[in-house]
Amino acid sequence: MHSTLVVLGYVAAFMTPGLGCLPKEYVSRDGKCCPMCNEGTVVRRDCTLKSGTRCSSCVNGTFMNKPNGLSNCIPCIVCDQGHGLFVKQECTATTNTVCDVSSGCFCKELMDDTGCSLAQKHTQCTPGERIKELGTRTKDTVCEQCQPGYFSKDGVNCTDWTICLDTQVQVTEGSTSTDVVCGTASRQRYCLYIPLSLFTSALILAVLVITGRLTKITNYTHNRISA
């Protein structure tokens, strides 16, 4: 008699809509408590009084990572190579794809179970800047402007401007992206020497001419007075 009551009680619980199900059971579409399908499978047909839940395996490209009462597997994520991701672990019937960050990129959105879901290329420092902090898998590159008196041609390191020698002259001033340009001072002096020499020669000649004329005038005047 006791066994009969237990069986009848189980059947009543099985058939009663809305009744709380056990941890490894799910509520079917018609309100019954049915056994869940295992990981890697989903429900193909709900249980009946005569048979348990019928399950089907997840197909390629889908997975199910926990006991469930669902009718569809979850699509595996795709690691987008065009956005700096690559497949670290392939998707299986029970696990999702795990993506990782390609070299030269950092992760912008990190998921606990699937790795990185969105990556971006490291920032390239521009001329006039230097790399203050190198980029990593989780952080972008940090750039910094070169200080006055320093320049960076390739955006990697800042180098101090060249100091021209005593025998040189500065042809072009430096900037944050270009160095000082020095030139040979001897050419500059030679170019200045030619017009200066010509001017000096002309001045001496003019003095000689004027002096000669004054001498002639003086002699002429003296002769006139003597006569």
Foldseek 3Di string as FASTA:
>chain_A
DVVVVVVVVVVCLQQDAPRDEDPQWDQDPNRGTAGFDAWQWEFPAPADPVGGTDIDGADPQFAGAGTHHDDHTHGADDFDVVQFKDFPDDDDRRAHTAIFGHPQKAAPAADPRRGGDGIHGADQAAWQKAFPDPADNHGHTDIGGDDPQWTGQRRHDTHGADDDDPQWDFPDPADNRGHTDIDGNVVVVVVVVVVVVVVVVVVVVVVVVVVVVVVVVVVVVVVVVVD
